[in-house]
């Protein structure tokens, strides 16, 4: 079974070209030396697993996501917040009474 998304079609001609560039291993080798192959895949290598002489699957690395950068202290992440001038206006006598509970 070939796994490919809708946009990437894996045709037989593409596969035969890819197969000539990628090392083919048997299912027995894959089971026996899985750790070794995983280490090689982490380094960017690809492998084709074959059952007998028939290719069955492709082992390839998962593309790495770019690490998300943490914001620096004080750096804003969204739109800049603005405070209206009325926020700095002095409180009225009524507001002061409510504030102090008188």
N, C-alpha and C. Protein backbone atom coordinates (compact mmCIF):
# COMPACT_ATOMS: atom_id res chain seq x y z
N UNK A 1 0.84 -1.18 0.00
CA UNK A 1 0.00 0.00 0.00
C UNK A 1 0.88 1.24 0.00
N UNK A 2 0.65 2.13 -0.91
CA UNK A 2 1.41 3.37 -0.98
C UNK A 2 0.60 4.46 -0.33
N UNK A 3 1.19 5.15 0.61
CA UNK A 3 0.48 6.24 1.28
C UNK A 3 0.94 7.54 0.64
N UNK A 4 -0.01 8.27 0.11
CA UNK A 4 0.30 9.57 -0.49
C UNK A 4 -0.94 10.45 -0.36
N UNK A 5 -0.73 11.74 -0.20
CA UNK A 5 -1.88 12.62 -0.09
C UNK A 5 -2.45 12.87 -1.48
N UNK A 6 -3.57 13.57 -1.55
CA UNK A 6 -4.28 13.78 -2.80
C UNK A 6 -3.41 14.50 -3.83
N UNK A 7 -2.57 15.44 -3.38
CA UNK A 7 -1.77 16.22 -4.31
C UNK A 7 -0.56 15.46 -4.83
N UNK A 8 -0.05 14.51 -4.06
CA UNK A 8 1.16 13.78 -4.45
C UNK A 8 0.75 12.39 -4.90
N UNK A 9 0.74 12.19 -6.17
CA UNK A 9 0.41 10.88 -6.72
C UNK A 9 1.70 10.12 -6.97
N UNK A 10 1.78 8.89 -6.47
CA UNK A 10 2.97 8.07 -6.66
C UNK A 10 2.67 7.09 -7.79
N UNK A 11 3.18 7.36 -8.97
CA UNK A 11 2.92 6.51 -10.13
C UNK A 11 3.99 5.44 -10.22
N UNK A 12 3.75 4.45 -11.08
CA UNK A 12 4.74 3.39 -11.23
C UNK A 12 6.05 3.92 -11.80
N UNK A 13 5.98 4.88 -12.73
CA UNK A 13 7.23 5.42 -13.28
C UNK A 13 8.00 6.19 -12.22
N UNK A 14 7.27 6.97 -11.40
CA UNK A 14 7.92 7.69 -10.31
C UNK A 14 8.51 6.70 -9.32
N UNK A 15 7.75 5.63 -9.03
CA UNK A 15 8.22 4.64 -8.08
C UNK A 15 9.47 3.93 -8.58
N UNK A 16 9.50 3.57 -9.87
CA UNK A 16 10.67 2.86 -10.39
C UNK A 16 11.91 3.75 -10.37
N UNK A 17 11.74 5.05 -10.63
CA UNK A 17 12.86 5.99 -10.53
C UNK A 17 13.32 6.10 -9.07
N UNK A 18 12.34 6.23 -8.16
CA UNK A 18 12.66 6.33 -6.74
C UNK A 18 13.31 5.04 -6.25
N UNK A 19 12.80 3.91 -6.70
CA UNK A 19 13.33 2.61 -6.26
C UNK A 19 14.78 2.43 -6.65
N UNK A 20 15.19 3.01 -7.78
CA UNK A 20 16.58 2.85 -8.18
C UNK A 20 17.52 3.71 -7.33
N UNK A 21 16.99 4.75 -6.68
CA UNK A 21 17.81 5.63 -5.87
C UNK A 21 17.78 5.27 -4.38
N UNK A 22 16.81 4.47 -3.96
CA UNK A 22 16.60 4.16 -2.55
C UNK A 22 16.94 2.69 -2.31
N UNK A 23 17.55 2.41 -1.16
CA UNK A 23 17.91 1.04 -0.82
C UNK A 23 16.66 0.23 -0.51
N UNK A 24 16.58 -0.97 -1.06
CA UNK A 24 15.46 -1.86 -0.80
C UNK A 24 15.87 -2.90 0.23
N UNK A 25 15.01 -3.09 1.24
CA UNK A 25 15.28 -4.09 2.28
C UNK A 25 14.09 -5.04 2.37
N UNK A 26 14.34 -6.22 2.88
CA UNK A 26 13.26 -7.19 3.03
C UNK A 26 12.54 -6.96 4.35
N UNK A 27 11.36 -7.55 4.48
CA UNK A 27 10.62 -7.43 5.73
C UNK A 27 11.41 -8.03 6.88
N UNK A 28 12.13 -9.11 6.61
CA UNK A 28 12.94 -9.75 7.66
C UNK A 28 14.04 -8.79 8.13
N UNK A 29 14.73 -8.14 7.18
CA UNK A 29 15.77 -7.17 7.56
C UNK A 29 15.17 -6.02 8.36
N UNK A 30 14.01 -5.56 7.94
CA UNK A 30 13.35 -4.44 8.62
C UNK A 30 13.02 -4.81 10.07
N UNK A 31 12.51 -6.01 10.27
CA UNK A 31 12.17 -6.45 11.63
C UNK A 31 13.42 -6.66 12.48
N UNK A 32 14.44 -7.26 11.88
CA UNK A 32 15.65 -7.60 12.62
C UNK A 32 16.47 -6.37 13.00
N UNK A 33 16.55 -5.39 12.10
CA UNK A 33 17.42 -4.23 12.31
C UNK A 33 16.63 -2.93 12.34
N UNK A 34 15.44 -2.94 12.91
CA UNK A 34 14.58 -1.76 12.89
C UNK A 34 15.26 -0.54 13.51
N UNK A 35 15.92 -0.72 14.65
CA UNK A 35 16.59 0.41 15.31
C UNK A 35 17.65 1.03 14.41
N UNK A 36 18.40 0.21 13.73
CA UNK A 36 19.44 0.70 12.82
C UNK A 36 18.83 1.49 11.67
N UNK A 37 17.73 0.98 11.10
CA UNK A 37 17.08 1.68 9.99
C UNK A 37 16.43 2.97 10.46
N UNK A 38 15.86 2.97 11.65
CA UNK A 38 15.27 4.20 12.18
C UNK A 38 16.34 5.28 12.38
N UNK A 39 17.50 4.87 12.85
CA UNK A 39 18.60 5.84 13.02
C UNK A 39 19.01 6.42 11.66
N UNK A 40 19.06 5.57 10.64
CA UNK A 40 19.41 6.05 9.30
C UNK A 40 18.32 6.97 8.75
N UNK A 41 17.07 6.65 9.03
CA UNK A 41 15.96 7.48 8.57
C UNK A 41 16.01 8.85 9.23
N UNK A 42 16.40 8.89 10.50
CA UNK A 42 16.54 10.18 11.20
C UNK A 42 17.63 11.03 10.55
N UNK A 43 18.57 10.40 9.88
CA UNK A 43 19.63 11.13 9.18
C UNK A 43 19.21 11.53 7.76
N UNK A 44 17.99 11.15 7.36
CA UNK A 44 17.46 11.57 6.06
C UNK A 44 17.39 10.48 5.01
N UNK A 45 17.84 9.28 5.33
CA UNK A 45 17.78 8.19 4.34
C UNK A 45 16.36 7.67 4.19
N UNK A 46 16.10 7.02 3.06
CA UNK A 46 14.81 6.38 2.81
C UNK A 46 15.06 4.93 2.43
N UNK A 47 14.08 4.09 2.73
CA UNK A 47 14.18 2.67 2.41
C UNK A 47 12.86 2.19 1.84
N UNK A 48 12.95 1.20 0.97
CA UNK A 48 11.76 0.53 0.46
C UNK A 48 11.75 -0.86 1.09
N UNK A 49 10.62 -1.21 1.67
CA UNK A 49 10.48 -2.55 2.25
C UNK A 49 9.79 -3.42 1.20
N UNK A 50 10.39 -4.57 0.94
CA UNK A 50 9.85 -5.48 -0.06
C UNK A 50 9.51 -6.82 0.58
N UNK A 51 8.42 -7.37 0.12
CA UNK A 51 8.06 -8.73 0.50
C UNK A 51 8.47 -9.60 -0.68
N UNK A 52 9.55 -10.34 -0.50
CA UNK A 52 10.14 -11.04 -1.64
C UNK A 52 10.79 -10.00 -2.54
N UNK A 53 10.36 -9.94 -3.80
CA UNK A 53 10.87 -8.91 -4.71
C UNK A 53 9.84 -7.81 -4.96
N UNK A 54 8.68 -7.94 -4.33
CA UNK A 54 7.61 -6.96 -4.56
C UNK A 54 7.68 -5.84 -3.51
N UNK A 55 7.87 -4.58 -3.95
CA UNK A 55 7.90 -3.46 -3.01
C UNK A 55 6.55 -3.30 -2.32
N UNK A 56 6.58 -3.09 -1.01
CA UNK A 56 5.34 -2.99 -0.24
C UNK A 56 5.17 -1.62 0.40
N UNK A 57 6.26 -1.04 0.91
CA UNK A 57 6.15 0.23 1.65
C UNK A 57 7.42 1.04 1.50
N UNK A 58 7.28 2.32 1.79
CA UNK A 58 8.43 3.22 1.78
C UNK A 58 8.61 3.75 3.20
N UNK A 59 9.82 3.63 3.73
CA UNK A 59 10.15 4.23 5.02
C UNK A 59 10.89 5.53 4.74
N UNK A 60 10.33 6.62 5.19
CA UNK A 60 10.98 7.91 4.98
C UNK A 60 10.78 8.78 6.20
N UNK A 61 11.66 9.76 6.41
CA UNK A 61 11.54 10.61 7.59
C UNK A 61 10.32 11.52 7.49
N UNK A 62 9.75 11.83 8.64
CA UNK A 62 8.65 12.78 8.71
C UNK A 62 9.26 14.18 8.68
N UNK A 63 8.74 15.07 7.83
CA UNK A 63 9.32 16.42 7.78
C UNK A 63 9.23 17.10 9.15
N UNK A 64 10.31 17.76 9.52
CA UNK A 64 10.36 18.43 10.82
C UNK A 64 9.70 19.79 10.72
N UNK A 65 8.93 20.14 11.74
CA UNK A 65 8.34 21.47 11.80
C UNK A 65 9.38 22.44 12.35
N UNK A 66 9.32 23.64 11.85
CA UNK A 66 10.23 24.66 12.37
C UNK A 66 9.87 24.94 13.83
N UNK A 67 10.84 25.00 14.71
CA UNK A 67 10.52 25.25 16.12
C UNK A 67 9.89 26.63 16.27
N UNK A 68 8.87 26.67 17.13
CA UNK A 68 8.21 27.95 17.37
C UNK A 68 9.08 28.81 18.27
N UNK A 69 9.27 30.04 17.88
CA UNK A 69 10.12 30.97 18.63
C UNK A 69 9.32 31.53 19.79
N UNK A 70 9.93 31.51 20.95
CA UNK A 70 9.29 32.09 22.13
C UNK A 70 9.45 33.60 22.07
N UNK A 71 8.42 34.35 22.46
CA UNK A 71 8.54 35.81 22.44
C UNK A 71 9.51 36.28 23.51
N UNK A 72 10.18 37.39 23.22
CA UNK A 72 11.09 37.99 24.19
C UNK A 72 10.26 38.72 25.24
N UNK A 73 10.84 38.97 26.39
CA UNK A 73 10.15 39.67 27.47
C UNK A 73 9.74 41.04 26.97
N UNK A 74 8.46 41.35 27.11
CA UNK A 74 7.95 42.64 26.70
C UNK A 74 7.49 42.70 25.25
N UNK A 75 7.74 41.65 24.49
CA UNK A 75 7.33 41.63 23.08
C UNK A 75 5.84 41.34 23.00
N UNK A 76 5.12 42.11 22.20
CA UNK A 76 3.69 41.89 22.05
C UNK A 76 3.43 40.84 20.98
N UNK A 77 2.41 40.03 21.20
CA UNK A 77 2.08 38.98 20.26
C UNK A 77 0.91 39.37 19.35
N UNK A 78 0.08 40.26 19.84
CA UNK A 78 -1.09 40.65 19.07
C UNK A 78 -1.03 42.13 18.73
N UNK A 79 -2.19 42.68 18.36
CA UNK A 79 -2.21 44.11 18.06
C UNK A 79 -1.92 44.93 19.31
N UNK A 80 -1.34 46.09 19.12
CA UNK A 80 -0.95 46.92 20.25
C UNK A 80 -2.20 47.42 20.97
N UNK A 81 -2.18 47.33 22.28
CA UNK A 81 -3.30 47.78 23.09
C UNK A 81 -3.19 49.29 23.31
N UNK A 82 -4.31 49.97 23.18
CA UNK A 82 -4.31 51.41 23.43
C UNK A 82 -5.22 51.69 24.62
N UNK A 83 -4.83 52.62 25.44
CA UNK A 83 -5.60 53.03 26.62
C UNK A 83 -6.13 54.43 26.36
N UNK A 84 -7.45 54.63 26.46
CA UNK A 84 -7.99 55.96 26.21
C UNK A 84 -7.58 56.94 27.31
N UNK A 85 -7.52 58.22 26.96
CA UNK A 85 -7.14 59.25 27.93
C UNK A 85 -8.12 59.30 29.10
N UNK A 86 -9.37 58.92 28.88
CA UNK A 86 -10.37 58.97 29.96
C UNK A 86 -10.01 58.02 31.10
N UNK A 87 -9.16 57.03 30.85
CA UNK A 87 -8.75 56.10 31.90
C UNK A 87 -7.88 56.80 32.94
N UNK A 88 -7.23 57.89 32.56
CA UNK A 88 -6.35 58.61 33.47
C UNK A 88 -7.02 59.85 34.08
N UNK A 89 -8.28 60.06 33.77
CA UNK A 89 -9.00 61.22 34.32
C UNK A 89 -9.26 60.99 35.80
N UNK A 90 -9.28 62.02 36.61
CA UNK A 90 -9.55 61.84 38.04
C UNK A 90 -10.98 61.36 38.27
N UNK A 91 -11.15 60.61 39.36
CA UNK A 91 -12.48 60.11 39.70
C UNK A 91 -13.36 61.25 40.21
N UNK A 92 -14.65 61.11 39.92
CA UNK A 92 -15.60 62.11 40.43
C UNK A 92 -15.84 61.83 41.91
N UNK A 93 -16.47 62.78 42.59
CA UNK A 93 -16.77 62.60 44.02
C UNK A 93 -17.66 61.37 44.23
N UNK A 94 -18.62 61.17 43.36
CA UNK A 94 -19.52 60.00 43.47
C UNK A 94 -18.72 58.70 43.31
N UNK A 95 -17.82 58.65 42.36
CA UNK A 95 -16.99 57.45 42.15
C UNK A 95 -16.06 57.20 43.33
N UNK A 96 -15.54 58.26 43.94
CA UNK A 96 -14.70 58.11 45.11
C UNK A 96 -15.47 57.53 46.27
N UNK A 97 -16.73 57.98 46.46
CA UNK A 97 -17.57 57.44 47.54
C UNK A 97 -17.82 55.95 47.31
N UNK A 98 -18.09 55.56 46.05
CA UNK A 98 -18.32 54.14 45.75
C UNK A 98 -17.04 53.33 45.97
N UNK A 99 -15.93 53.90 45.62
CA UNK A 99 -14.65 53.22 45.76
C UNK A 99 -14.30 52.94 47.21
N UNK A 100 -14.48 53.94 48.06
CA UNK A 100 -14.12 53.79 49.46
C UNK A 100 -15.26 53.27 50.33
N UNK A 101 -16.44 53.07 49.71
CA UNK A 101 -17.57 52.49 50.43
C UNK A 101 -18.20 53.43 51.44
N UNK A 102 -18.18 54.67 51.17
CA UNK A 102 -18.78 55.62 52.09
C UNK A 102 -20.20 55.91 51.73
